[in-house]
Amino acid sequence: MSPNRDRKQEFVNVSSDRTREEIIFAVLSLRMAIDKRIKKLVDAVNDLPDVYTCGSCGGHKDLENRENPVPEGYFYIQFIVEPTENGFLSLGIIDLAARNIDNDDLTVKVLNCTDNPKLVMFNILGKNWADPDEVAKEIKALCTTWGLSLHGVRAYKKNVRRMIAYNRIQQDA
């Protein structure tokens, strides 16, 4: 038995029937406030095919009365990725962009904060004043390098993918 086997990790308990479709529908339906410091990066991530941001923080001096804040000089963006070829290419581009810009102060990792392995999330975390705008610019450049088209992605997510998610939720109900 591994020494960490007894370590308890805190998870958000969700029902086993909670689906990625519910999260996709929610993030495409709800308006969320985005901190000005990370707006370009959130937009760049949302422009990628099969990637959906579901939480973020641009860092704050005052951490009181904020949901999941990080201190000033830090930022994070939580996102989910559909298990498609474009989804994995998008994830790879996010990771490569972070490593190209600042391999020490930018990380991309799995963030499974639920007890349901079907709802794996990822996050990009910046610290020590890593520049989210530079990461956004690098994501766009890597999309060109790797031939990943961003044309029509936002419109597809808003007008088509949201309804696909809704219909799948209704079928499962």
N, C-alpha and C. Protein backbone atom coordinates (compact mmCIF):
# COMPACT_ATOMS: atom_id res chain seq x y z
N MET A 1 0.84 -1.18 0.00
CA MET A 1 0.00 0.00 0.00
C MET A 1 0.88 1.24 0.00
N SER A 2 0.54 2.19 -0.85
CA SER A 2 1.34 3.40 -0.93
C SER A 2 1.16 4.22 0.34
N PRO A 3 2.19 4.98 0.74
CA PRO A 3 2.09 5.76 1.97
C PRO A 3 1.01 6.83 1.94
N ASN A 4 0.61 7.28 0.77
CA ASN A 4 -0.42 8.33 0.67
C ASN A 4 -1.83 7.77 0.55
N ARG A 5 -1.99 6.46 0.57
CA ARG A 5 -3.29 5.82 0.37
C ARG A 5 -4.30 6.29 1.42
N ASP A 6 -3.86 6.53 2.65
CA ASP A 6 -4.77 6.92 3.72
C ASP A 6 -5.08 8.41 3.72
N ARG A 7 -4.36 9.18 2.93
CA ARG A 7 -4.58 10.62 2.88
C ARG A 7 -5.95 10.91 2.29
N LYS A 8 -6.71 11.70 2.97
CA LYS A 8 -8.03 12.07 2.48
C LYS A 8 -7.94 13.37 1.70
N GLN A 9 -8.49 13.37 0.51
CA GLN A 9 -8.54 14.58 -0.30
C GLN A 9 -9.97 15.08 -0.28
N GLU A 10 -10.11 16.39 -0.19
CA GLU A 10 -11.45 16.95 -0.19
C GLU A 10 -11.95 17.07 -1.63
N PHE A 11 -13.19 16.61 -1.83
CA PHE A 11 -13.82 16.69 -3.13
C PHE A 11 -15.19 17.30 -2.97
N VAL A 12 -15.69 17.87 -4.05
CA VAL A 12 -17.08 18.28 -4.10
C VAL A 12 -17.85 17.02 -4.47
N ASN A 13 -18.78 16.62 -3.63
CA ASN A 13 -19.57 15.43 -3.93
C ASN A 13 -20.64 15.77 -4.96
N VAL A 14 -20.62 15.04 -6.05
CA VAL A 14 -21.62 15.23 -7.10
C VAL A 14 -22.24 13.88 -7.39
N SER A 15 -23.42 13.91 -7.92
CA SER A 15 -24.09 12.65 -8.23
C SER A 15 -23.37 11.97 -9.39
N SER A 16 -23.43 10.64 -9.42
CA SER A 16 -22.73 9.89 -10.45
C SER A 16 -23.31 10.13 -11.84
N ASP A 17 -24.54 10.65 -11.91
CA ASP A 17 -25.13 10.91 -13.22
C ASP A 17 -24.85 12.34 -13.72
N ARG A 18 -24.13 13.12 -12.93
CA ARG A 18 -23.75 14.48 -13.35
C ARG A 18 -22.84 14.36 -14.57
N THR A 19 -23.11 15.11 -15.57
CA THR A 19 -22.39 14.91 -16.82
C THR A 19 -21.62 16.15 -17.25
N ARG A 20 -20.67 15.92 -18.12
CA ARG A 20 -19.93 16.99 -18.76
C ARG A 20 -20.91 17.90 -19.51
N GLU A 21 -21.98 17.30 -20.06
CA GLU A 21 -22.97 18.09 -20.80
C GLU A 21 -23.62 19.15 -19.92
N GLU A 22 -23.87 18.82 -18.65
CA GLU A 22 -24.46 19.81 -17.75
C GLU A 22 -23.52 20.99 -17.55
N ILE A 23 -22.24 20.70 -17.39
CA ILE A 23 -21.28 21.77 -17.21
C ILE A 23 -21.17 22.62 -18.48
N ILE A 24 -21.09 21.96 -19.62
CA ILE A 24 -20.99 22.69 -20.89
C ILE A 24 -22.21 23.58 -21.08
N PHE A 25 -23.40 23.04 -20.82
CA PHE A 25 -24.61 23.85 -20.96
C PHE A 25 -24.57 25.05 -20.01
N ALA A 26 -24.16 24.80 -18.77
CA ALA A 26 -24.13 25.88 -17.78
C ALA A 26 -23.14 26.97 -18.18
N VAL A 27 -21.92 26.60 -18.57
CA VAL A 27 -20.93 27.62 -18.88
C VAL A 27 -21.26 28.37 -20.17
N LEU A 28 -22.00 27.75 -21.07
CA LEU A 28 -22.40 28.45 -22.29
C LEU A 28 -23.67 29.27 -22.10
N SER A 29 -24.37 29.07 -20.98
CA SER A 29 -25.63 29.76 -20.75
C SER A 29 -25.51 30.92 -19.77
N LEU A 30 -24.59 30.82 -18.82
CA LEU A 30 -24.49 31.82 -17.76
C LEU A 30 -23.45 32.88 -18.10
N ARG A 31 -23.75 34.12 -17.79
CA ARG A 31 -22.79 35.21 -17.94
C ARG A 31 -21.94 35.22 -16.68
N MET A 32 -20.64 35.23 -16.85
CA MET A 32 -19.74 35.26 -15.70
C MET A 32 -18.85 36.48 -15.78
N ALA A 33 -18.62 37.08 -14.63
CA ALA A 33 -17.70 38.22 -14.57
C ALA A 33 -16.27 37.69 -14.70
N ILE A 34 -15.46 38.39 -15.48
CA ILE A 34 -14.07 38.00 -15.69
C ILE A 34 -13.19 39.16 -15.26
N ASP A 35 -12.21 38.87 -14.41
CA ASP A 35 -11.27 39.91 -13.98
C ASP A 35 -10.52 40.46 -15.19
N LYS A 36 -10.37 41.78 -15.22
CA LYS A 36 -9.75 42.46 -16.36
C LYS A 36 -8.36 41.90 -16.69
N ARG A 37 -7.59 41.56 -15.67
CA ARG A 37 -6.21 41.09 -15.88
C ARG A 37 -6.14 39.82 -16.74
N ILE A 38 -7.17 38.98 -16.68
CA ILE A 38 -7.10 37.70 -17.39
C ILE A 38 -8.11 37.58 -18.54
N LYS A 39 -8.78 38.68 -18.87
CA LYS A 39 -9.82 38.62 -19.90
C LYS A 39 -9.30 38.11 -21.24
N LYS A 40 -8.14 38.58 -21.70
CA LYS A 40 -7.61 38.13 -22.99
C LYS A 40 -7.30 36.63 -22.96
N LEU A 41 -6.80 36.15 -21.84
CA LEU A 41 -6.49 34.72 -21.75
C LEU A 41 -7.76 33.88 -21.68
N VAL A 42 -8.75 34.32 -20.92
CA VAL A 42 -10.03 33.61 -20.88
C VAL A 42 -10.64 33.56 -22.28
N ASP A 43 -10.59 34.69 -22.98
CA ASP A 43 -11.13 34.71 -24.35
C ASP A 43 -10.35 33.76 -25.26
N ALA A 44 -9.03 33.75 -25.15
CA ALA A 44 -8.22 32.86 -25.99
C ALA A 44 -8.54 31.39 -25.72
N VAL A 45 -8.71 31.03 -24.46
CA VAL A 45 -9.05 29.65 -24.11
C VAL A 45 -10.45 29.32 -24.63
N ASN A 46 -11.39 30.24 -24.48
CA ASN A 46 -12.74 30.00 -24.97
C ASN A 46 -12.84 29.97 -26.49
N ASP A 47 -11.87 30.56 -27.17
CA ASP A 47 -11.85 30.51 -28.63
C ASP A 47 -11.38 29.15 -29.16
N LEU A 48 -10.79 28.33 -28.29
CA LEU A 48 -10.29 27.02 -28.71
C LEU A 48 -11.43 26.03 -28.87
N PRO A 49 -11.36 25.17 -29.87
CA PRO A 49 -12.41 24.17 -30.03
C PRO A 49 -12.41 23.17 -28.88
N ASP A 50 -13.61 22.83 -28.42
CA ASP A 50 -13.85 21.77 -27.44
C ASP A 50 -13.23 22.05 -26.07
N VAL A 51 -13.03 23.33 -25.73
CA VAL A 51 -12.55 23.75 -24.42
C VAL A 51 -13.55 24.77 -23.87
N TYR A 52 -13.87 24.65 -22.57
CA TYR A 52 -14.88 25.50 -21.95
C TYR A 52 -14.38 25.95 -20.59
N THR A 53 -14.21 27.26 -20.41
CA THR A 53 -13.79 27.76 -19.10
C THR A 53 -14.96 27.72 -18.13
N CYS A 54 -14.66 27.39 -16.88
CA CYS A 54 -15.75 27.30 -15.90
C CYS A 54 -15.42 28.01 -14.59
N GLY A 55 -14.31 28.67 -14.51
CA GLY A 55 -13.98 29.45 -13.32
C GLY A 55 -12.65 30.16 -13.54
N SER A 56 -12.48 31.30 -12.87
CA SER A 56 -11.23 32.03 -13.03
C SER A 56 -11.09 33.08 -11.94
N CYS A 57 -9.85 33.54 -11.77
CA CYS A 57 -9.57 34.65 -10.87
C CYS A 57 -8.28 35.30 -11.35
N GLY A 58 -8.27 36.62 -11.37
CA GLY A 58 -7.10 37.37 -11.82
C GLY A 58 -6.18 37.81 -10.70
N GLY A 59 -6.49 37.42 -9.45
CA GLY A 59 -5.69 37.82 -8.30
C GLY A 59 -6.22 39.10 -7.68
N HIS A 60 -6.20 39.15 -6.36
CA HIS A 60 -6.77 40.30 -5.65
C HIS A 60 -5.99 40.60 -4.38
N LYS A 61 -5.87 41.88 -4.06
CA LYS A 61 -5.26 42.29 -2.78
C LYS A 61 -6.14 41.83 -1.63
N ASP A 62 -7.44 42.04 -1.79
CA ASP A 62 -8.42 41.71 -0.74
C ASP A 62 -9.08 40.39 -1.11
N LEU A 63 -8.82 39.35 -0.35
CA LEU A 63 -9.37 38.02 -0.65
C LEU A 63 -10.72 37.77 0.03
N GLU A 64 -11.14 38.69 0.89
CA GLU A 64 -12.40 38.53 1.62
C GLU A 64 -13.60 38.61 0.68
N ASN A 65 -14.62 37.84 0.98
CA ASN A 65 -15.90 37.85 0.27
C ASN A 65 -15.76 37.58 -1.23
N ARG A 66 -14.82 36.74 -1.60
CA ARG A 66 -14.64 36.35 -3.00
C ARG A 66 -14.69 34.83 -3.06
N GLU A 67 -15.19 34.33 -4.18
CA GLU A 67 -15.27 32.88 -4.36
C GLU A 67 -13.98 32.37 -5.00
N ASN A 68 -13.29 31.47 -4.32
CA ASN A 68 -12.04 30.85 -4.81
C ASN A 68 -11.01 31.87 -5.29
N PRO A 69 -10.66 32.85 -4.45
CA PRO A 69 -9.71 33.86 -4.90
C PRO A 69 -8.26 33.38 -4.80
N VAL A 70 -7.39 34.03 -5.57
CA VAL A 70 -5.95 33.88 -5.41
C VAL A 70 -5.37 35.27 -5.14
N PRO A 71 -4.21 35.31 -4.49
CA PRO A 71 -3.64 36.62 -4.14
C PRO A 71 -3.15 37.40 -5.36
N GLU A 72 -2.96 38.68 -5.15
CA GLU A 72 -2.44 39.55 -6.20
C GLU A 72 -1.11 38.96 -6.72
N GLY A 73 -0.95 39.02 -8.04
CA GLY A 73 0.26 38.46 -8.65
C GLY A 73 0.06 37.03 -9.15
N TYR A 74 -1.08 36.44 -8.80
CA TYR A 74 -1.44 35.10 -9.25
C TYR A 74 -2.66 35.20 -10.16
N PHE A 75 -2.94 34.15 -10.90
CA PHE A 75 -4.20 34.01 -11.61
C PHE A 75 -4.43 32.53 -11.87
N TYR A 76 -5.69 32.19 -12.13
CA TYR A 76 -5.99 30.84 -12.59
C TYR A 76 -7.21 30.87 -13.49
N ILE A 77 -7.29 29.85 -14.33
CA ILE A 77 -8.47 29.61 -15.14
C ILE A 77 -8.74 28.11 -15.08
N GLN A 78 -9.96 27.75 -14.68
CA GLN A 78 -10.38 26.34 -14.70
C GLN A 78 -11.12 26.10 -16.01
N PHE A 79 -10.92 24.91 -16.58
CA PHE A 79 -11.60 24.60 -17.83
C PHE A 79 -11.78 23.10 -17.98
N ILE A 80 -12.74 22.74 -18.82
CA ILE A 80 -12.93 21.34 -19.19
C ILE A 80 -12.62 21.20 -20.67
N VAL A 81 -12.27 19.98 -21.05
CA VAL A 81 -11.91 19.68 -22.43
C VAL A 81 -12.71 18.47 -22.88
N GLU A 82 -13.35 18.59 -24.02
CA GLU A 82 -14.04 17.42 -24.56
C GLU A 82 -13.01 16.42 -25.08
N PRO A 83 -13.26 15.12 -24.90
CA PRO A 83 -12.30 14.11 -25.34
C PRO A 83 -12.38 13.85 -26.85
N THR A 84 -11.99 14.87 -27.60
CA THR A 84 -11.98 14.80 -29.06
C THR A 84 -10.55 15.12 -29.53
N GLU A 85 -10.29 14.88 -30.79
CA GLU A 85 -8.98 15.22 -31.33
C GLU A 85 -8.69 16.71 -31.17
N ASN A 86 -9.67 17.56 -31.51
CA ASN A 86 -9.47 19.00 -31.35
C ASN A 86 -9.37 19.41 -29.88
N GLY A 87 -10.10 18.73 -29.02
CA GLY A 87 -10.01 19.02 -27.59
C GLY A 87 -8.63 18.75 -27.05
N PHE A 88 -8.06 17.60 -27.42
CA PHE A 88 -6.72 17.27 -26.93
C PHE A 88 -5.65 18.16 -27.58
N LEU A 89 -5.85 18.53 -28.84
CA LEU A 89 -4.92 19.47 -29.48
C LEU A 89 -4.99 20.83 -28.77
N SER A 90 -6.19 21.26 -28.45
CA SER A 90 -6.36 22.53 -27.72
C SER A 90 -5.67 22.48 -26.37
N LEU A 91 -5.86 21.38 -25.63
CA LEU A 91 -5.21 21.22 -24.34
C LEU A 91 -3.68 21.25 -24.49
N GLY A 92 -3.18 20.57 -25.50
CA GLY A 92 -1.74 20.57 -25.75
C GLY A 92 -1.22 21.96 -26.06
N ILE A 93 -1.99 22.73 -26.80
CA ILE A 93 -1.59 24.10 -27.14
C ILE A 93 -1.57 24.97 -25.88
N ILE A 94 -2.57 24.83 -25.01
CA ILE A 94 -2.58 25.59 -23.75
C ILE A 94 -1.33 25.27 -22.94
N ASP A 95 -1.04 23.98 -22.82
CA ASP A 95 0.12 23.56 -22.03
C ASP A 95 1.42 24.06 -22.65
N LEU A 96 1.57 23.91 -23.97
CA LEU A 96 2.79 24.35 -24.64
C LEU A 96 2.96 25.86 -24.54
N ALA A 97 1.88 26.61 -24.66
CA ALA A 97 1.94 28.07 -24.53
C ALA A 97 2.46 28.45 -23.14
N ALA A 98 1.94 27.80 -22.11
CA ALA A 98 2.39 28.11 -20.75
C ALA A 98 3.88 27.80 -20.59
N ARG A 99 4.31 26.65 -21.09
CA ARG A 99 5.73 26.28 -20.97
C ARG A 99 6.61 27.20 -21.80
N ASN A 100 6.16 27.62 -22.97
CA ASN A 100 6.96 28.53 -23.80
C ASN A 100 7.13 29.90 -23.16
N ILE A 101 6.10 30.37 -22.47
CA ILE A 101 6.15 31.72 -21.89
C ILE A 101 6.92 31.74 -20.57
N ASP A 102 6.61 30.81 -19.68
CA ASP A 102 7.27 30.83 -18.36
C ASP A 102 7.11 29.46 -17.70
N ASN A 103 8.05 28.59 -17.94
CA ASN A 103 7.97 27.22 -17.44
C ASN A 103 8.03 27.14 -15.92
N ASP A 104 8.52 28.18 -15.26
CA ASP A 104 8.62 28.16 -13.80
C ASP A 104 7.35 28.67 -13.11
N ASP A 105 6.74 29.70 -13.67
CA ASP A 105 5.63 30.35 -12.97
C ASP A 105 4.26 30.13 -13.61
N LEU A 106 4.20 29.29 -14.63
CA LEU A 106 2.92 28.91 -15.25
C LEU A 106 2.82 27.39 -15.26
N THR A 107 1.71 26.88 -14.80
CA THR A 107 1.50 25.43 -14.83
C THR A 107 0.10 25.13 -15.35
N VAL A 108 0.00 24.01 -16.06
CA VAL A 108 -1.29 23.48 -16.49
C VAL A 108 -1.36 22.09 -15.90
N LYS A 109 -2.46 21.81 -15.20
CA LYS A 109 -2.56 20.49 -14.59
C LYS A 109 -4.01 20.05 -14.48
N VAL A 110 -4.15 18.76 -14.22
CA VAL A 110 -5.47 18.19 -13.97
C VAL A 110 -5.94 18.71 -12.63
N LEU A 111 -7.19 19.07 -12.57
CA LEU A 111 -7.79 19.58 -11.34
C LEU A 111 -9.12 18.86 -11.16
N ASN A 112 -9.07 17.63 -10.71
CA ASN A 112 -10.31 16.90 -10.50
C ASN A 112 -10.79 17.18 -9.09
N CYS A 113 -11.69 18.15 -8.97
CA CYS A 113 -12.16 18.59 -7.66
C CYS A 113 -13.52 17.99 -7.30
N THR A 114 -13.92 16.95 -8.03
CA THR A 114 -15.15 16.24 -7.69
C THR A 114 -14.81 14.78 -7.42
N ASP A 115 -15.79 14.04 -6.94
CA ASP A 115 -15.59 12.61 -6.72
C ASP A 115 -16.04 11.81 -7.94
N ASN A 116 -16.25 12.47 -9.07
CA ASN A 116 -16.72 11.83 -10.28
C ASN A 116 -15.62 11.92 -11.35
N PRO A 117 -15.00 10.79 -11.73
CA PRO A 117 -13.91 10.84 -12.71
C PRO A 117 -14.36 11.25 -14.11
N LYS A 118 -15.66 11.34 -14.35
CA LYS A 118 -16.15 11.81 -15.65
C LYS A 118 -16.11 13.34 -15.75
N LEU A 119 -15.87 14.01 -14.64
CA LEU A 119 -15.87 15.48 -14.61
C LEU A 119 -14.47 16.02 -14.33
N VAL A 120 -13.50 15.51 -15.02
CA VAL A 120 -12.13 15.99 -14.85
C VAL A 120 -12.02 17.39 -15.42
N MET A 121 -11.44 18.27 -14.62
CA MET A 121 -11.20 19.64 -15.05
C MET A 121 -9.69 19.86 -15.11
N PHE A 122 -9.31 20.95 -15.70
CA PHE A 122 -7.92 21.35 -15.78
C PHE A 122 -7.83 22.78 -15.30
N ASN A 123 -6.60 23.20 -14.95
CA ASN A 123 -6.43 24.61 -14.68
C ASN A 123 -5.07 25.07 -15.15
N ILE A 124 -5.01 26.33 -15.48
CA ILE A 124 -3.75 27.00 -15.73
C ILE A 124 -3.57 27.98 -14.58
N LEU A 125 -2.42 27.88 -13.93
CA LEU A 125 -2.13 28.72 -12.78
C LEU A 125 -0.89 29.55 -13.08
N GLY A 126 -1.00 30.84 -12.87
CA GLY A 126 0.13 31.74 -13.01
C GLY A 126 0.47 32.31 -11.65
N LYS A 127 1.77 32.44 -11.38
CA LYS A 127 2.21 33.04 -10.12
C LYS A 127 3.38 33.98 -10.40
N ASN A 128 3.78 34.72 -9.38
CA ASN A 128 4.90 35.66 -9.49
C ASN A 128 4.75 36.61 -10.68
N TRP A 129 3.55 37.11 -10.86
CA TRP A 129 3.22 38.09 -11.89
C TRP A 129 3.44 37.58 -13.31
N ALA A 130 3.27 36.27 -13.53
CA ALA A 130 3.30 35.74 -14.89
C ALA A 130 2.25 36.50 -15.71
N ASP A 131 2.53 36.74 -16.98
CA ASP A 131 1.69 37.60 -17.80
C ASP A 131 0.65 36.80 -18.58
N PRO A 132 -0.63 36.88 -18.19
CA PRO A 132 -1.67 36.13 -18.91
C PRO A 132 -1.86 36.60 -20.35
N ASP A 133 -1.59 37.86 -20.63
CA ASP A 133 -1.73 38.36 -22.01
C ASP A 133 -0.70 37.70 -22.93
N GLU A 134 0.50 37.46 -22.42
CA GLU A 134 1.53 36.78 -23.22
C GLU A 134 1.12 35.34 -23.51
N VAL A 135 0.48 34.69 -22.55
CA VAL A 135 0.00 33.32 -22.77
C VAL A 135 -1.08 33.32 -23.84
N ALA A 136 -1.99 34.29 -23.78
CA ALA A 136 -3.05 34.39 -24.79
C ALA A 136 -2.46 34.57 -26.18
N LYS A 137 -1.47 35.45 -26.29
CA LYS A 137 -0.83 35.69 -27.57
C LYS A 137 -0.13 34.41 -28.08
N GLU A 138 0.51 33.68 -27.19
CA GLU A 138 1.19 32.45 -27.57
C GLU A 138 0.20 31.37 -27.99
N ILE A 139 -0.95 31.29 -27.33
CA ILE A 139 -1.98 30.33 -27.73
C ILE A 139 -2.40 30.60 -29.17
N LYS A 140 -2.66 31.85 -29.49
CA LYS A 140 -3.07 32.20 -30.86
C LYS A 140 -1.97 31.85 -31.87
N ALA A 141 -0.72 32.14 -31.53
CA ALA A 141 0.39 31.83 -32.43
C ALA A 141 0.53 30.31 -32.63
N LEU A 142 0.38 29.55 -31.56
CA LEU A 142 0.49 28.09 -31.67
C LEU A 142 -0.66 27.49 -32.47
N CYS A 143 -1.82 28.09 -32.40
CA CYS A 143 -2.95 27.62 -33.22
C CYS A 143 -2.59 27.72 -34.70
N THR A 144 -1.95 28.82 -35.08
CA THR A 144 -1.51 28.99 -36.47
C THR A 144 -0.45 27.94 -36.80
N THR A 145 0.53 27.78 -35.93
CA THR A 145 1.61 26.82 -36.16
C THR A 145 1.08 25.40 -36.34
N TRP A 146 0.12 25.01 -35.51
CA TRP A 146 -0.40 23.65 -35.52
C TRP A 146 -1.65 23.48 -36.39
N GLY A 147 -2.04 24.53 -37.10
CA GLY A 147 -3.16 24.42 -38.04
C GLY A 147 -4.51 24.24 -37.37
N LEU A 148 -4.66 24.77 -36.18
CA LEU A 148 -5.94 24.68 -35.47
C LEU A 148 -6.75 25.93 -35.78
N SER A 149 -7.83 25.76 -36.52
CA SER A 149 -8.67 26.89 -36.91
C SER A 149 -9.56 27.33 -35.76
N LEU A 150 -9.61 28.63 -35.55
CA LEU A 150 -10.50 29.21 -34.53
C LEU A 150 -11.74 29.82 -35.18
N HIS A 151 -11.79 29.75 -36.51
CA HIS A 151 -12.89 30.36 -37.27
C HIS A 151 -14.23 29.73 -36.88
N GLY A 152 -15.13 30.54 -36.39
CA GLY A 152 -16.48 30.09 -36.08
C GLY A 152 -16.64 29.30 -34.79
N VAL A 153 -15.58 29.14 -34.02
CA VAL A 153 -15.66 28.32 -32.81
C VAL A 153 -16.62 28.93 -31.80
N ARG A 154 -16.49 30.22 -31.53
CA ARG A 154 -17.38 30.86 -30.54
C ARG A 154 -18.84 30.76 -30.95
N ALA A 155 -19.11 31.03 -32.22
CA ALA A 155 -20.50 30.97 -32.71
C ALA A 155 -21.03 29.54 -32.61
N TYR A 156 -20.22 28.56 -32.94
CA TYR A 156 -20.64 27.16 -32.84
C TYR A 156 -20.97 26.81 -31.39
N LYS A 157 -20.11 27.19 -30.47
CA LYS A 157 -20.36 26.89 -29.06
C LYS A 157 -21.67 27.54 -28.59
N LYS A 158 -21.84 28.80 -28.95
CA LYS A 158 -23.01 29.55 -28.50
C LYS A 158 -24.31 29.06 -29.15
N ASN A 159 -24.26 28.80 -30.44
CA ASN A 159 -25.49 28.51 -31.19
C ASN A 159 -25.79 27.03 -31.39
N VAL A 160 -24.77 26.19 -31.40
CA VAL A 160 -24.98 24.77 -31.69
C VAL A 160 -24.65 23.89 -30.50
N ARG A 161 -23.44 24.02 -29.99
CA ARG A 161 -23.00 23.10 -28.93
C ARG A 161 -23.85 23.22 -27.68
N ARG A 162 -24.27 24.43 -27.36
CA ARG A 162 -25.14 24.64 -26.19
C ARG A 162 -26.44 23.85 -26.33
N MET A 163 -27.03 23.85 -27.52
CA MET A 163 -28.29 23.12 -27.75
C MET A 163 -28.05 21.60 -27.76
N ILE A 164 -26.92 21.16 -28.26
CA ILE A 164 -26.58 19.73 -28.21
C ILE A 164 -26.53 19.29 -26.75
N ALA A 165 -25.87 20.07 -25.91
CA ALA A 165 -25.78 19.75 -24.49
C ALA A 165 -27.17 19.69 -23.86
N TYR A 166 -27.99 20.69 -24.16
CA TYR A 166 -29.34 20.73 -23.61
C TYR A 166 -30.13 19.49 -24.02
N ASN A 167 -30.08 19.13 -25.29
CA ASN A 167 -30.81 17.97 -25.78
C ASN A 167 -30.32 16.67 -25.13
N ARG A 168 -29.01 16.55 -24.92
CA ARG A 168 -28.49 15.35 -24.26
C ARG A 168 -28.92 15.29 -22.79
N ILE A 169 -28.96 16.43 -22.15
CA ILE A 169 -29.43 16.47 -20.76
C ILE A 169 -30.88 16.02 -20.70
N GLN A 170 -31.70 16.51 -21.64
CA GLN A 170 -33.11 16.13 -21.67
C GLN A 170 -33.29 14.64 -21.95
N GLN A 171 -32.47 14.07 -22.80
CA GLN A 171 -32.56 12.63 -23.10
C GLN A 171 -32.20 11.77 -21.88
N ASP A 172 -31.26 12.27 -21.08
CA ASP A 172 -30.82 11.51 -19.91
C ASP A 172 -31.75 11.67 -18.73
N ALA A 173 -32.63 12.68 -18.78
CA ALA A 173 -33.52 12.94 -17.64
C ALA A 173 -34.61 11.90 -17.50
